[in-house]
C-alpha atoms as a PDB file:
ATOM      1  CA  MET A   1       1.226 -26.071  -8.552  1.00  0.00           C
ATOM      2  CA  ALA A   2       2.332 -22.795 -10.269  1.00  0.00           C
ATOM      3  CA  LYS A   3      -0.017 -19.931 -10.419  1.00  0.00           C
ATOM      4  CA  ALA A   4      -1.366 -19.106 -13.917  1.00  0.00           C
ATOM      5  CA  VAL A   5      -0.011 -16.013 -15.410  1.00  0.00           C
ATOM      6  CA  ARG A   6      -2.664 -13.534 -16.404  1.00  0.00           C
ATOM      7  CA  SER A   7      -2.528 -11.255 -19.333  1.00  0.00           C
ATOM      8  CA  PHE A   8      -2.793  -7.433 -19.049  1.00  0.00           C
ATOM      9  CA  SER A   9      -6.306  -7.644 -20.205  1.00  0.00           C
ATOM     10  CA  ASP A  10      -7.234 -10.216 -17.521  1.00  0.00           C
ATOM     11  CA  VAL A  11      -5.662  -7.940 -14.827  1.00  0.00           C
ATOM     12  CA  LYS A  12      -7.382  -4.901 -16.184  1.00  0.00           C
ATOM     13  CA  ASP A  13     -10.803  -6.652 -15.985  1.00  0.00           C
ATOM     14  CA  VAL A  14     -10.152  -7.833 -12.414  1.00  0.00           C
ATOM     15  CA  ILE A  15      -9.441  -4.163 -11.403  1.00  0.00           C
ATOM     16  CA  LEU A  16     -12.341  -2.633 -13.221  1.00  0.00           C
ATOM     17  CA  SER A  17     -14.653  -5.140 -11.590  1.00  0.00           C
ATOM     18  CA  CYS A  18     -13.885  -3.701  -8.139  1.00  0.00           C
ATOM     19  CA  HIS A  19     -15.029  -0.284  -9.212  1.00  0.00           C
ATOM     20  CA  LYS A  20     -18.498  -1.010 -10.592  1.00  0.00           C
ATOM     21  CA  ASP A  21     -21.172   0.306  -7.946  1.00  0.00           C
ATOM     22  CA  ALA A  22     -19.180  -1.319  -5.072  1.00  0.00           C
ATOM     23  CA  THR A  23     -19.562  -0.042  -1.547  1.00  0.00           C
ATOM     24  CA  PRO A  24     -16.297   0.417   0.540  1.00  0.00           C
ATOM     25  CA  GLU A  25     -16.968  -2.861   2.261  1.00  0.00           C
ATOM     26  CA  ASP A  26     -17.262  -4.540  -1.214  1.00  0.00           C
ATOM     27  CA  LYS A  27     -13.935  -2.888  -2.273  1.00  0.00           C
ATOM     28  CA  MET A  28     -12.155  -4.113   0.945  1.00  0.00           C
ATOM     29  CA  GLY A  29     -13.550  -7.758   0.283  1.00  0.00           C
ATOM     30  CA  PHE A  30     -12.184  -7.353  -3.329  1.00  0.00           C
ATOM     31  CA  TYR A  31      -8.649  -6.495  -2.022  1.00  0.00           C
ATOM     32  CA  ASP A  32      -8.803  -9.336   0.566  1.00  0.00           C
ATOM     33  CA  LYS A  33      -9.479 -11.695  -2.164  1.00  0.00           C
ATOM     34  CA  TRP A  34      -6.911 -10.075  -4.487  1.00  0.00           C
ATOM     35  CA  ALA A  35      -4.052  -9.659  -2.077  1.00  0.00           C
ATOM     36  CA  ASP A  36      -2.248 -13.008  -3.004  1.00  0.00           C
ATOM     37  CA  ASN A  37      -2.163 -12.014  -6.676  1.00  0.00           C
ATOM     38  CA  TYR A  38      -1.697  -8.194  -6.257  1.00  0.00           C
ATOM     39  CA  GLU A  39       1.947  -7.837  -6.621  1.00  0.00           C
ATOM     40  CA  GLN A  40       1.944 -10.309  -9.578  1.00  0.00           C
ATOM     41  CA  ASP A  41      -0.725  -8.413 -11.253  1.00  0.00           C
ATOM     42  CA  VAL A  42       0.564  -4.977 -10.610  1.00  0.00           C
ATOM     43  CA  ALA A  43       3.862  -6.111 -12.269  1.00  0.00           C
ATOM     44  CA  ILE A  44       1.906  -7.235 -15.296  1.00  0.00           C
ATOM     45  CA  LEU A  45       0.414  -3.623 -15.613  1.00  0.00           C
ATOM     46  CA  ASP A  46       3.866  -2.063 -15.156  1.00  0.00           C
ATOM     47  CA  TYR A  47       2.424  -0.101 -12.316  1.00  0.00           C
ATOM     48  CA  ARG A  48       4.754   2.399 -11.119  1.00  0.00           C
ATOM     49  CA  ALA A  49       2.890   4.543  -8.756  1.00  0.00           C
ATOM     50  CA  PRO A  50       4.538   3.165  -5.453  1.00  0.00           C
ATOM     51  CA  GLY A  51       8.018   3.621  -6.738  1.00  0.00           C
ATOM     52  CA  LEU A  52       7.351   7.193  -8.141  1.00  0.00           C
ATOM     53  CA  ALA A  53       5.704   8.175  -4.911  1.00  0.00           C
ATOM     54  CA  ALA A  54       8.665   6.801  -2.855  1.00  0.00           C
ATOM     55  CA  ASP A  55      11.150   8.517  -5.134  1.00  0.00           C
ATOM     56  CA  ALA A  56       9.186  11.750  -5.062  1.00  0.00           C
ATOM     57  CA  LEU A  57       9.003  11.663  -1.299  1.00  0.00           C
ATOM     58  CA  ALA A  58      12.739  10.913  -0.902  1.00  0.00           C
ATOM     59  CA  ALA A  59      13.701  13.668  -3.430  1.00  0.00           C
ATOM     60  CA  GLY A  60      12.052  16.491  -1.286  1.00  0.00           C
ATOM     61  CA  PHE A  61      12.623  15.171   2.119  1.00  0.00           C
ATOM     62  CA  GLN A  62      15.356  17.123   4.015  1.00  0.00           C
ATOM     63  CA  GLY A  63      15.242  15.303   7.473  1.00  0.00           C
ATOM     64  CA  ASP A  64      17.056  12.406   8.904  1.00  0.00           C
ATOM     65  CA  ARG A  65      15.728   9.524   6.821  1.00  0.00           C
ATOM     66  CA  GLU A  66      16.762   6.735   9.316  1.00  0.00           C
ATOM     67  CA  ASN A  67      14.796   8.324  12.147  1.00  0.00           C
ATOM     68  CA  ALA A  68      11.866   9.864  10.212  1.00  0.00           C
ATOM     69  CA  VAL A  69       8.506   8.244  11.045  1.00  0.00           C
ATOM     70  CA  VAL A  70       6.578   7.394   7.678  1.00  0.00           C
ATOM     71  CA  LEU A  71       2.849   6.985   7.884  1.00  0.00           C
ATOM     72  CA  ASP A  72       1.981   4.797   4.724  1.00  0.00           C
ATOM     73  CA  VAL A  73      -1.711   5.340   4.132  1.00  0.00           C
ATOM     74  CA  ALA A  74      -3.409   2.636   2.003  1.00  0.00           C
ATOM     75  CA  CYS A  75      -0.095   0.607   2.359  1.00  0.00           C
ATOM     76  CA  GLY A  76      -1.503  -2.419   0.725  1.00  0.00           C
ATOM     77  CA  THR A  77       1.228  -5.067   0.568  1.00  0.00           C
ATOM     78  CA  GLY A  78       4.044  -2.577   1.434  1.00  0.00           C
ATOM     79  CA  LEU A  79       5.282  -1.607  -2.009  1.00  0.00           C
ATOM     80  CA  VAL A  80       5.890   2.023  -1.173  1.00  0.00           C
ATOM     81  CA  ALA A  81       7.685   1.198   2.308  1.00  0.00           C
ATOM     82  CA  SER A  82       9.791  -1.378   0.418  1.00  0.00           C
ATOM     83  CA  ARG A  83      11.053   1.282  -1.942  1.00  0.00           C
ATOM     84  CA  LEU A  84      11.542   3.759   0.781  1.00  0.00           C
ATOM     85  CA  GLN A  85      13.521   1.250   2.739  1.00  0.00           C
ATOM     86  CA  THR A  86      16.029   1.180  -0.244  1.00  0.00           C
ATOM     87  CA  LEU A  87      16.164   4.979  -0.068  1.00  0.00           C
ATOM     88  CA  GLY A  88      17.328   4.993   3.668  1.00  0.00           C
ATOM     89  CA  PHE A  89      14.077   5.218   5.539  1.00  0.00           C
ATOM     90  CA  ARG A  90      13.461   2.754   8.384  1.00  0.00           C
ATOM     91  CA  ARG A  91      10.575   3.598  10.449  1.00  0.00           C
ATOM     92  CA  PHE A  92       7.084   2.833   8.922  1.00  0.00           C
ATOM     93  CA  VAL A  93       3.531   2.686  10.287  1.00  0.00           C
ATOM     94  CA  GLY A  94       0.990   1.402   7.781  1.00  0.00           C
ATOM     95  CA  VAL A  95      -2.693   1.695   7.680  1.00  0.00           C
ATOM     96  CA  ASP A  96      -5.008  -0.215   5.133  1.00  0.00           C
ATOM     97  CA  GLY A  97      -8.667  -1.368   5.064  1.00  0.00           C
ATOM     98  CA  SER A  98      -7.787  -4.875   3.824  1.00  0.00           C
ATOM     99  CA  ALA A  99      -6.744  -7.498   6.440  1.00  0.00           C
ATOM    100  CA  ALA A 100      -5.240  -9.729   3.810  1.00  0.00           C
ATOM    101  CA  MET A 101      -3.120  -6.718   2.296  1.00  0.00           C
ATOM    102  CA  LEU A 102      -1.937  -5.944   5.853  1.00  0.00           C
ATOM    103  CA  ARG A 103      -0.941  -9.703   6.507  1.00  0.00           C
ATOM    104  CA  LEU A 104       1.327  -9.432   3.403  1.00  0.00           C
ATOM    105  CA  ALA A 105       2.697  -6.158   4.449  1.00  0.00           C
ATOM    106  CA  ARG A 106       3.495  -7.567   7.921  1.00  0.00           C
ATOM    107  CA  ASN A 107       5.355 -10.275   6.187  1.00  0.00           C
ATOM    108  CA  ARG A 108       7.784  -7.874   4.708  1.00  0.00           C
ATOM    109  CA  GLY A 109       9.156  -7.051   8.265  1.00  0.00           C
ATOM    110  CA  LEU A 110       9.390  -3.381   7.550  1.00  0.00           C
ATOM    111  CA  TYR A 111       6.619  -1.837   9.550  1.00  0.00           C
ATOM    112  CA  GLN A 112       6.760  -1.167  13.216  1.00  0.00           C
ATOM    113  CA  GLU A 113       2.984  -0.963  13.327  1.00  0.00           C
ATOM    114  CA  LEU A 114       0.009  -1.856  11.034  1.00  0.00           C
ATOM    115  CA  LEU A 115      -3.539  -0.942  11.563  1.00  0.00           C
ATOM    116  CA  GLN A 116      -6.565  -1.815   9.785  1.00  0.00           C
ATOM    117  CA  CYS A 117      -8.789   1.257   9.081  1.00  0.00           C
ATOM    118  CA  MET A 118     -11.430   1.798   6.422  1.00  0.00           C
ATOM    119  CA  LEU A 119     -10.271   5.201   4.806  1.00  0.00           C
ATOM    120  CA  GLY A 120     -13.141   7.660   4.502  1.00  0.00           C
ATOM    121  CA  SER A 121     -15.435   5.944   6.897  1.00  0.00           C
ATOM    122  CA  ALA A 122     -13.645   7.309  10.004  1.00  0.00           C
ATOM    123  CA  PRO A 123     -10.850   9.597  10.881  1.00  0.00           C
ATOM    124  CA  LEU A 124      -7.285   7.997  10.814  1.00  0.00           C
ATOM    125  CA  PRO A 125      -6.742   6.744  14.355  1.00  0.00           C
ATOM    126  CA  PHE A 126      -3.707   9.145  14.786  1.00  0.00           C
ATOM    127  CA  SER A 127      -3.071  12.382  16.544  1.00  0.00           C
ATOM    128  CA  ALA A 128      -2.022  15.394  14.410  1.00  0.00           C
ATOM    129  CA  GLU A 129       1.636  16.000  14.019  1.00  0.00           C
ATOM    130  CA  THR A 130       2.495  12.298  14.951  1.00  0.00           C
ATOM    131  CA  TYR A 131       4.459  11.557  11.919  1.00  0.00           C
ATOM    132  CA  ASP A 132       7.414  13.212   9.967  1.00  0.00           C
ATOM    133  CA  VAL A 133       5.996  12.212   6.665  1.00  0.00           C
ATOM    134  CA  VAL A 134       2.801  10.815   5.184  1.00  0.00           C
ATOM    135  CA  VAL A 135       2.691   9.073   1.890  1.00  0.00           C
ATOM    136  CA  LEU A 136      -0.367   7.642  -0.137  1.00  0.00           C
ATOM    137  CA  SER A 137      -0.047   6.049  -3.438  1.00  0.00           C
ATOM    138  CA  GLY A 138      -2.628   4.395  -5.738  1.00  0.00           C
ATOM    139  CA  LEU A 139      -5.775   5.083  -3.833  1.00  0.00           C
END
């Protein structure tokens, strides 16, 4: 059975519902439920932030792209890493609060490591100066 295609207005309403007096845990539950429709919905919105973030990072990065270790914060389904991979980056670590989003990111096969972490409720589980570059888009 094919998924029903949502309208721009439908998707906007879905997203806005997440931000009405929601706790961080509520928001992660929202993203867990939304994960399977996320990429379809952001395409409907013509959401360009992941591509723009990746392009900006690549334009300013002067190092060895193939060996640079990229920390993708709030990685979601892996849209930023996917674009960075087309720009020559190969080593990714992702962190996100949503287990369902991380599952989809894992399916891309781009990340060497994926960790679940609720941003803002605890420090990121990494030592300082561990990564060559950090990217965060759409948070």
